[in-house]
N, C-alpha and C. Protein backbone atom coordinates (compact mmCIF):
# COMPACT_ATOMS: atom_id res chain seq x y z
N MET A 1 -16.92 5.41 -7.37
CA MET A 1 -17.13 6.25 -6.23
C MET A 1 -16.50 7.62 -6.50
N PRO A 2 -17.08 8.68 -5.98
CA PRO A 2 -16.47 10.00 -6.15
C PRO A 2 -15.19 10.10 -5.31
N PRO A 3 -14.33 11.07 -5.63
CA PRO A 3 -13.11 11.23 -4.83
C PRO A 3 -13.44 11.50 -3.37
N SER A 4 -12.71 10.90 -2.47
CA SER A 4 -12.81 11.16 -1.04
C SER A 4 -11.56 10.62 -0.37
N GLU A 5 -10.90 11.45 0.42
CA GLU A 5 -9.66 11.04 1.06
C GLU A 5 -9.87 9.79 1.92
N PRO A 6 -8.94 8.85 1.86
CA PRO A 6 -9.03 7.68 2.73
C PRO A 6 -8.59 8.03 4.14
N THR A 7 -9.23 7.40 5.12
CA THR A 7 -8.91 7.69 6.52
C THR A 7 -8.34 6.49 7.27
N GLU A 8 -8.70 5.26 6.83
CA GLU A 8 -8.24 4.07 7.54
C GLU A 8 -8.23 2.87 6.59
N VAL A 9 -7.27 1.98 6.79
CA VAL A 9 -7.21 0.73 6.05
C VAL A 9 -7.34 -0.42 7.04
N ARG A 10 -8.10 -1.46 6.63
CA ARG A 10 -8.27 -2.66 7.43
C ARG A 10 -8.05 -3.88 6.54
N ILE A 11 -7.20 -4.78 7.01
CA ILE A 11 -6.95 -6.02 6.28
C ILE A 11 -7.20 -7.16 7.26
N PRO A 12 -8.45 -7.66 7.31
CA PRO A 12 -8.83 -8.66 8.31
C PRO A 12 -7.94 -9.90 8.35
N LYS A 13 -7.56 -10.44 7.20
CA LYS A 13 -6.80 -11.70 7.17
C LYS A 13 -5.50 -11.61 7.97
N ILE A 14 -4.84 -10.44 7.92
CA ILE A 14 -3.55 -10.31 8.60
C ILE A 14 -3.64 -9.45 9.86
N GLY A 15 -4.85 -9.09 10.26
CA GLY A 15 -5.03 -8.32 11.49
C GLY A 15 -4.41 -6.95 11.45
N ALA A 16 -4.40 -6.32 10.28
CA ALA A 16 -3.78 -5.00 10.13
C ALA A 16 -4.85 -3.91 10.04
N THR A 17 -4.73 -2.90 10.90
CA THR A 17 -5.61 -1.73 10.86
C THR A 17 -4.75 -0.50 11.15
N SER A 18 -4.90 0.53 10.32
CA SER A 18 -4.13 1.76 10.53
C SER A 18 -4.90 2.95 9.99
N SER A 19 -4.74 4.08 10.65
CA SER A 19 -5.16 5.34 10.04
C SER A 19 -4.24 5.57 8.85
N LEU A 20 -4.61 6.50 7.99
CA LEU A 20 -3.81 6.78 6.79
C LEU A 20 -3.38 8.24 6.78
N ILE A 21 -2.09 8.45 6.55
CA ILE A 21 -1.57 9.81 6.42
C ILE A 21 -1.26 10.06 4.94
N PRO A 22 -1.43 11.31 4.46
CA PRO A 22 -1.11 11.59 3.06
C PRO A 22 0.39 11.60 2.81
N LEU A 23 0.80 11.05 1.67
CA LEU A 23 2.19 10.99 1.26
C LEU A 23 2.34 11.61 -0.12
N GLY A 24 3.43 12.31 -0.35
CA GLY A 24 3.70 12.92 -1.65
C GLY A 24 4.99 12.37 -2.23
N LEU A 25 5.79 13.28 -2.76
CA LEU A 25 7.07 12.89 -3.35
C LEU A 25 8.22 13.51 -2.58
N ASN A 26 9.33 12.79 -2.53
CA ASN A 26 10.58 13.31 -1.97
C ASN A 26 11.22 14.23 -3.00
N PRO A 27 12.23 15.01 -2.59
CA PRO A 27 12.92 15.89 -3.55
C PRO A 27 13.47 15.16 -4.77
N ASP A 28 13.87 13.87 -4.61
CA ASP A 28 14.39 13.11 -5.76
C ASP A 28 13.28 12.46 -6.58
N GLU A 29 12.03 12.83 -6.28
CA GLU A 29 10.83 12.35 -6.99
C GLU A 29 10.49 10.89 -6.73
N THR A 30 11.05 10.30 -5.69
CA THR A 30 10.60 8.99 -5.24
C THR A 30 9.42 9.23 -4.30
N ILE A 31 8.59 8.22 -4.14
CA ILE A 31 7.41 8.36 -3.30
C ILE A 31 7.82 8.39 -1.81
N GLU A 32 7.18 9.26 -1.06
CA GLU A 32 7.41 9.30 0.39
C GLU A 32 6.88 8.02 1.01
N VAL A 33 7.41 7.69 2.19
CA VAL A 33 6.89 6.56 2.96
C VAL A 33 6.52 7.09 4.34
N PRO A 34 5.66 6.39 5.05
CA PRO A 34 5.34 6.82 6.41
C PRO A 34 6.62 6.85 7.27
N PRO A 35 6.61 7.57 8.37
CA PRO A 35 7.82 7.64 9.22
C PRO A 35 8.20 6.26 9.76
N VAL A 36 9.46 5.87 9.57
CA VAL A 36 9.92 4.55 10.01
C VAL A 36 9.89 4.45 11.53
N GLU A 37 9.91 5.58 12.21
CA GLU A 37 9.84 5.58 13.68
C GLU A 37 8.46 5.13 14.15
N LYS A 38 7.47 5.17 13.26
CA LYS A 38 6.11 4.72 13.57
C LYS A 38 5.73 3.61 12.58
N PRO A 39 6.32 2.41 12.72
CA PRO A 39 6.14 1.36 11.72
C PRO A 39 4.71 0.85 11.57
N MET A 40 3.83 1.16 12.52
CA MET A 40 2.44 0.70 12.41
C MET A 40 1.56 1.72 11.68
N GLN A 41 2.15 2.82 11.20
CA GLN A 41 1.41 3.85 10.48
C GLN A 41 1.47 3.60 8.97
N ALA A 42 0.32 3.52 8.33
CA ALA A 42 0.26 3.39 6.87
C ALA A 42 -0.05 4.76 6.26
N GLY A 43 0.19 4.89 4.97
CA GLY A 43 -0.08 6.14 4.28
C GLY A 43 -0.67 5.90 2.92
N TRP A 44 -1.24 6.96 2.34
CA TRP A 44 -1.78 6.87 0.98
C TRP A 44 -1.10 7.93 0.12
N TYR A 45 -0.83 7.54 -1.12
CA TYR A 45 -0.16 8.42 -2.07
C TYR A 45 -1.17 9.42 -2.62
N LYS A 46 -1.07 10.66 -2.15
CA LYS A 46 -2.08 11.68 -2.45
C LYS A 46 -2.05 12.19 -3.89
N LEU A 47 -1.04 11.83 -4.66
CA LEU A 47 -0.98 12.26 -6.05
C LEU A 47 -1.61 11.24 -7.00
N ALA A 48 -2.08 10.13 -6.44
CA ALA A 48 -2.79 9.11 -7.23
C ALA A 48 -4.29 9.25 -6.92
N ARG A 49 -5.08 8.33 -7.39
CA ARG A 49 -6.52 8.32 -7.13
C ARG A 49 -6.79 8.02 -5.66
N THR A 50 -7.97 8.42 -5.19
CA THR A 50 -8.38 7.99 -3.85
C THR A 50 -9.05 6.63 -3.99
N PRO A 51 -8.98 5.79 -2.96
CA PRO A 51 -9.57 4.45 -3.05
C PRO A 51 -11.07 4.52 -3.37
N GLY A 52 -11.45 3.80 -4.44
CA GLY A 52 -12.83 3.78 -4.90
C GLY A 52 -13.03 4.53 -6.20
N GLU A 53 -12.13 5.46 -6.52
CA GLU A 53 -12.17 6.17 -7.80
C GLU A 53 -11.65 5.24 -8.90
N VAL A 54 -12.04 5.50 -10.14
CA VAL A 54 -11.47 4.74 -11.26
C VAL A 54 -9.98 5.06 -11.33
N GLY A 55 -9.18 4.02 -11.42
CA GLY A 55 -7.74 4.16 -11.44
C GLY A 55 -7.12 3.53 -10.22
N PRO A 56 -5.79 3.50 -10.16
CA PRO A 56 -5.14 2.86 -9.03
C PRO A 56 -4.93 3.81 -7.85
N ALA A 57 -5.38 3.41 -6.67
CA ALA A 57 -5.05 4.09 -5.42
C ALA A 57 -3.89 3.32 -4.80
N VAL A 58 -2.97 4.03 -4.13
CA VAL A 58 -1.76 3.40 -3.63
C VAL A 58 -1.61 3.65 -2.13
N LEU A 59 -1.49 2.57 -1.36
CA LEU A 59 -1.25 2.64 0.07
C LEU A 59 0.12 2.03 0.37
N LEU A 60 0.86 2.67 1.27
CA LEU A 60 2.19 2.19 1.62
C LEU A 60 2.31 2.00 3.12
N GLY A 61 3.09 1.00 3.51
CA GLY A 61 3.34 0.74 4.92
C GLY A 61 4.64 -0.02 5.07
N HIS A 62 5.20 0.06 6.27
CA HIS A 62 6.47 -0.62 6.54
C HIS A 62 6.26 -2.08 6.88
N VAL A 63 7.25 -2.90 6.50
CA VAL A 63 7.27 -4.30 6.91
C VAL A 63 7.77 -4.38 8.36
N ASP A 64 8.68 -3.47 8.71
CA ASP A 64 9.17 -3.37 10.08
C ASP A 64 9.84 -2.02 10.27
N GLY A 65 10.23 -1.73 11.49
CA GLY A 65 10.91 -0.49 11.82
C GLY A 65 11.10 -0.41 13.32
N ASN A 66 12.15 0.28 13.75
CA ASN A 66 12.43 0.37 15.18
C ASN A 66 12.49 -1.00 15.85
N ARG A 67 13.01 -1.99 15.11
CA ARG A 67 13.17 -3.36 15.61
C ARG A 67 11.84 -4.01 16.03
N GLN A 68 10.77 -3.63 15.32
CA GLN A 68 9.47 -4.26 15.59
C GLN A 68 8.70 -4.41 14.27
N PRO A 69 7.72 -5.33 14.22
CA PRO A 69 6.95 -5.52 12.99
C PRO A 69 6.21 -4.23 12.60
N GLY A 70 6.05 -4.03 11.31
CA GLY A 70 5.30 -2.88 10.80
C GLY A 70 3.88 -3.28 10.42
N ILE A 71 3.10 -2.29 10.03
CA ILE A 71 1.69 -2.50 9.70
C ILE A 71 1.52 -3.52 8.58
N PHE A 72 2.46 -3.57 7.62
CA PHE A 72 2.36 -4.51 6.51
C PHE A 72 3.33 -5.69 6.66
N PHE A 73 3.67 -6.04 7.91
CA PHE A 73 4.58 -7.15 8.19
C PHE A 73 4.12 -8.44 7.53
N ARG A 74 2.81 -8.69 7.52
CA ARG A 74 2.26 -9.94 6.98
C ARG A 74 1.63 -9.75 5.58
N LEU A 75 1.90 -8.63 4.93
CA LEU A 75 1.26 -8.34 3.64
C LEU A 75 1.51 -9.45 2.62
N LYS A 76 2.70 -10.05 2.65
CA LYS A 76 3.04 -11.10 1.68
C LYS A 76 2.14 -12.32 1.78
N GLU A 77 1.37 -12.44 2.89
CA GLU A 77 0.47 -13.58 3.08
C GLU A 77 -0.85 -13.44 2.30
N LEU A 78 -1.13 -12.25 1.79
CA LEU A 78 -2.40 -12.06 1.07
C LEU A 78 -2.39 -12.81 -0.24
N VAL A 79 -3.53 -13.41 -0.54
CA VAL A 79 -3.70 -14.18 -1.78
C VAL A 79 -5.00 -13.75 -2.45
N ALA A 80 -5.19 -14.18 -3.69
CA ALA A 80 -6.41 -13.86 -4.42
C ALA A 80 -7.63 -14.25 -3.60
N GLY A 81 -8.58 -13.32 -3.52
CA GLY A 81 -9.81 -13.55 -2.77
C GLY A 81 -9.84 -12.84 -1.42
N ASP A 82 -8.68 -12.52 -0.86
CA ASP A 82 -8.65 -11.80 0.41
C ASP A 82 -9.19 -10.38 0.21
N GLU A 83 -9.73 -9.80 1.30
CA GLU A 83 -10.34 -8.48 1.19
C GLU A 83 -9.59 -7.41 1.97
N VAL A 84 -9.69 -6.19 1.46
CA VAL A 84 -9.10 -5.01 2.08
C VAL A 84 -10.20 -3.95 2.11
N GLU A 85 -10.38 -3.31 3.24
CA GLU A 85 -11.38 -2.26 3.38
C GLU A 85 -10.70 -0.92 3.64
N VAL A 86 -11.18 0.12 2.97
CA VAL A 86 -10.63 1.45 3.17
C VAL A 86 -11.78 2.40 3.51
N SER A 87 -11.73 2.96 4.72
CA SER A 87 -12.72 3.96 5.12
C SER A 87 -12.35 5.28 4.48
N ARG A 88 -13.38 6.05 4.12
CA ARG A 88 -13.16 7.32 3.42
C ARG A 88 -13.79 8.48 4.21
N LYS A 89 -13.25 9.67 3.97
CA LYS A 89 -13.69 10.86 4.69
C LYS A 89 -15.19 11.14 4.53
N ASP A 90 -15.77 10.72 3.40
CA ASP A 90 -17.20 10.97 3.16
C ASP A 90 -18.09 9.98 3.91
N GLY A 91 -17.49 9.09 4.72
CA GLY A 91 -18.27 8.13 5.50
C GLY A 91 -18.47 6.79 4.82
N SER A 92 -18.08 6.68 3.58
CA SER A 92 -18.24 5.42 2.85
C SER A 92 -17.02 4.51 3.09
N THR A 93 -17.16 3.26 2.69
CA THR A 93 -16.07 2.29 2.76
C THR A 93 -15.89 1.67 1.39
N ALA A 94 -14.66 1.71 0.91
CA ALA A 94 -14.33 1.05 -0.36
C ALA A 94 -13.79 -0.34 -0.02
N ARG A 95 -14.44 -1.38 -0.55
CA ARG A 95 -14.02 -2.76 -0.30
C ARG A 95 -13.36 -3.31 -1.56
N PHE A 96 -12.20 -3.90 -1.35
CA PHE A 96 -11.42 -4.44 -2.46
C PHE A 96 -11.15 -5.91 -2.25
N ARG A 97 -11.02 -6.64 -3.37
CA ARG A 97 -10.65 -8.06 -3.34
C ARG A 97 -9.30 -8.21 -4.04
N VAL A 98 -8.38 -8.85 -3.35
CA VAL A 98 -7.05 -9.10 -3.89
C VAL A 98 -7.15 -10.02 -5.10
N HIS A 99 -6.40 -9.69 -6.16
CA HIS A 99 -6.33 -10.61 -7.30
C HIS A 99 -4.90 -11.07 -7.58
N ARG A 100 -3.91 -10.40 -6.92
CA ARG A 100 -2.52 -10.83 -7.17
C ARG A 100 -1.60 -10.21 -6.12
N THR A 101 -0.60 -10.98 -5.71
CA THR A 101 0.46 -10.49 -4.83
C THR A 101 1.78 -10.88 -5.48
N GLU A 102 2.73 -9.93 -5.52
CA GLU A 102 4.02 -10.26 -6.11
C GLU A 102 5.16 -9.70 -5.27
N GLN A 103 6.29 -10.38 -5.33
CA GLN A 103 7.53 -9.89 -4.74
C GLN A 103 8.47 -9.62 -5.89
N ILE A 104 9.02 -8.39 -5.94
CA ILE A 104 9.84 -8.01 -7.07
C ILE A 104 11.00 -7.14 -6.60
N ALA A 105 12.14 -7.29 -7.25
CA ALA A 105 13.32 -6.50 -6.90
C ALA A 105 13.02 -5.01 -7.05
N LYS A 106 13.49 -4.22 -6.09
CA LYS A 106 13.25 -2.77 -6.15
C LYS A 106 13.78 -2.16 -7.44
N ASN A 107 14.90 -2.71 -7.95
CA ASN A 107 15.45 -2.15 -9.19
C ASN A 107 14.68 -2.59 -10.43
N SER A 108 13.64 -3.41 -10.24
CA SER A 108 12.75 -3.82 -11.34
C SER A 108 11.31 -3.41 -11.04
N PHE A 109 11.14 -2.37 -10.22
CA PHE A 109 9.79 -1.96 -9.80
C PHE A 109 8.88 -1.74 -11.00
N PRO A 110 7.68 -2.35 -10.99
CA PRO A 110 6.76 -2.27 -12.13
C PRO A 110 5.92 -0.98 -12.11
N THR A 111 6.56 0.13 -12.39
CA THR A 111 5.92 1.45 -12.28
C THR A 111 4.59 1.52 -13.02
N GLU A 112 4.55 1.05 -14.24
CA GLU A 112 3.31 1.13 -15.04
C GLU A 112 2.21 0.26 -14.44
N ALA A 113 2.55 -0.93 -13.97
CA ALA A 113 1.54 -1.82 -13.37
C ALA A 113 0.98 -1.24 -12.08
N VAL A 114 1.79 -0.51 -11.33
CA VAL A 114 1.35 0.07 -10.07
C VAL A 114 0.60 1.38 -10.27
N TYR A 115 1.17 2.27 -11.05
CA TYR A 115 0.61 3.63 -11.17
C TYR A 115 -0.16 3.90 -12.46
N GLY A 116 -0.05 3.00 -13.44
CA GLY A 116 -0.70 3.23 -14.73
C GLY A 116 -2.22 3.20 -14.64
N ASP A 117 -2.87 3.87 -15.58
CA ASP A 117 -4.33 3.95 -15.59
C ASP A 117 -4.97 2.57 -15.67
N THR A 118 -6.12 2.45 -15.02
CA THR A 118 -6.93 1.23 -15.09
C THR A 118 -8.35 1.64 -15.45
N ARG A 119 -9.13 0.70 -15.95
CA ARG A 119 -10.51 0.99 -16.36
C ARG A 119 -11.50 0.98 -15.21
N GLU A 120 -11.06 0.42 -14.08
CA GLU A 120 -11.95 0.33 -12.92
C GLU A 120 -11.19 0.74 -11.68
N PRO A 121 -11.87 0.92 -10.55
CA PRO A 121 -11.19 1.28 -9.31
C PRO A 121 -10.32 0.12 -8.82
N GLU A 122 -9.07 0.41 -8.56
CA GLU A 122 -8.15 -0.61 -8.07
C GLU A 122 -7.34 -0.06 -6.90
N LEU A 123 -6.67 -0.97 -6.20
CA LEU A 123 -5.87 -0.61 -5.04
C LEU A 123 -4.53 -1.33 -5.13
N ARG A 124 -3.48 -0.63 -4.73
CA ARG A 124 -2.15 -1.21 -4.63
C ARG A 124 -1.68 -1.02 -3.19
N LEU A 125 -1.20 -2.09 -2.58
CA LEU A 125 -0.59 -2.04 -1.25
C LEU A 125 0.88 -2.37 -1.43
N ILE A 126 1.76 -1.53 -0.88
CA ILE A 126 3.19 -1.72 -1.12
C ILE A 126 3.96 -1.69 0.19
N THR A 127 4.90 -2.64 0.32
CA THR A 127 5.83 -2.65 1.45
C THR A 127 7.15 -3.23 0.95
N CYS A 128 8.11 -3.32 1.85
CA CYS A 128 9.40 -3.92 1.52
C CYS A 128 9.36 -5.41 1.80
N GLY A 129 10.31 -6.14 1.21
CA GLY A 129 10.38 -7.57 1.44
C GLY A 129 11.69 -8.13 0.92
N GLY A 130 11.76 -9.44 0.94
CA GLY A 130 12.97 -10.11 0.47
C GLY A 130 14.07 -10.02 1.51
N SER A 131 15.31 -10.14 1.03
CA SER A 131 16.45 -10.10 1.95
C SER A 131 16.81 -8.66 2.28
N PHE A 132 17.48 -8.49 3.41
CA PHE A 132 17.86 -7.16 3.89
C PHE A 132 19.29 -6.88 3.48
N ASP A 133 19.51 -5.72 2.87
CA ASP A 133 20.83 -5.27 2.45
C ASP A 133 21.43 -4.45 3.60
N GLN A 134 22.34 -5.05 4.36
CA GLN A 134 22.92 -4.38 5.53
C GLN A 134 23.63 -3.08 5.15
N ALA A 135 24.34 -3.08 4.04
CA ALA A 135 25.10 -1.90 3.63
C ALA A 135 24.17 -0.73 3.29
N ALA A 136 23.06 -1.03 2.62
CA ALA A 136 22.11 0.03 2.20
C ALA A 136 21.05 0.30 3.27
N HIS A 137 21.01 -0.54 4.29
CA HIS A 137 19.99 -0.42 5.36
C HIS A 137 18.58 -0.45 4.81
N SER A 138 18.35 -1.34 3.84
CA SER A 138 17.00 -1.48 3.28
C SER A 138 16.83 -2.87 2.69
N TYR A 139 15.56 -3.21 2.46
CA TYR A 139 15.25 -4.49 1.83
C TYR A 139 15.48 -4.38 0.33
N ARG A 140 15.79 -5.51 -0.29
CA ARG A 140 16.10 -5.53 -1.72
C ARG A 140 14.86 -5.57 -2.61
N ASP A 141 13.72 -6.03 -2.04
CA ASP A 141 12.52 -6.22 -2.85
C ASP A 141 11.35 -5.39 -2.34
N ASN A 142 10.30 -5.37 -3.13
CA ASN A 142 9.01 -4.84 -2.72
C ASN A 142 7.98 -5.95 -2.78
N ILE A 143 7.02 -5.94 -1.87
CA ILE A 143 5.84 -6.78 -1.93
C ILE A 143 4.72 -5.85 -2.41
N ILE A 144 4.04 -6.25 -3.48
CA ILE A 144 2.97 -5.43 -4.04
C ILE A 144 1.71 -6.29 -4.12
N VAL A 145 0.63 -5.77 -3.55
CA VAL A 145 -0.67 -6.44 -3.61
C VAL A 145 -1.56 -5.64 -4.55
N TYR A 146 -2.19 -6.32 -5.48
CA TYR A 146 -3.11 -5.71 -6.44
C TYR A 146 -4.53 -6.15 -6.09
N ALA A 147 -5.44 -5.19 -5.99
CA ALA A 147 -6.82 -5.51 -5.64
C ALA A 147 -7.79 -4.67 -6.45
N LYS A 148 -9.02 -5.18 -6.62
CA LYS A 148 -10.07 -4.47 -7.37
C LYS A 148 -11.26 -4.21 -6.48
N LEU A 149 -11.94 -3.11 -6.75
CA LEU A 149 -13.13 -2.74 -5.98
C LEU A 149 -14.22 -3.79 -6.17
N ILE A 150 -14.90 -4.14 -5.07
CA ILE A 150 -16.02 -5.10 -5.17
C ILE A 150 -17.31 -4.43 -4.71
């Protein structure tokens, strides 16, 4: 598919639907996340591919925030075969099928697997998971869903 900004993500299995806001990099070069005050808001990493283009597109959302579930609260429930739909500004919809879900320590984040080039259009969905580190006020792990265009 040609480049086109994503406008909405839908994950039927977990009942998740959100508009998408563009995200860039923080001053320390870590990826921005949607505002935690709006935990039901998902975002797309605008420095990566758009969903449907060859290469990995990356969507991020909170597992929770403001003492309530976030848009990706149930992301860890996705398994191979589940579908994710992304509406695009050009009016098209990119449909993806999950092929893998993993939980991994943030200090072992698989940067190449998430952001590295792929031969076909792929999608990555990322949220927090695992146990909560009270001192750091954050989760220790990431949940990452890998999907391919269908």
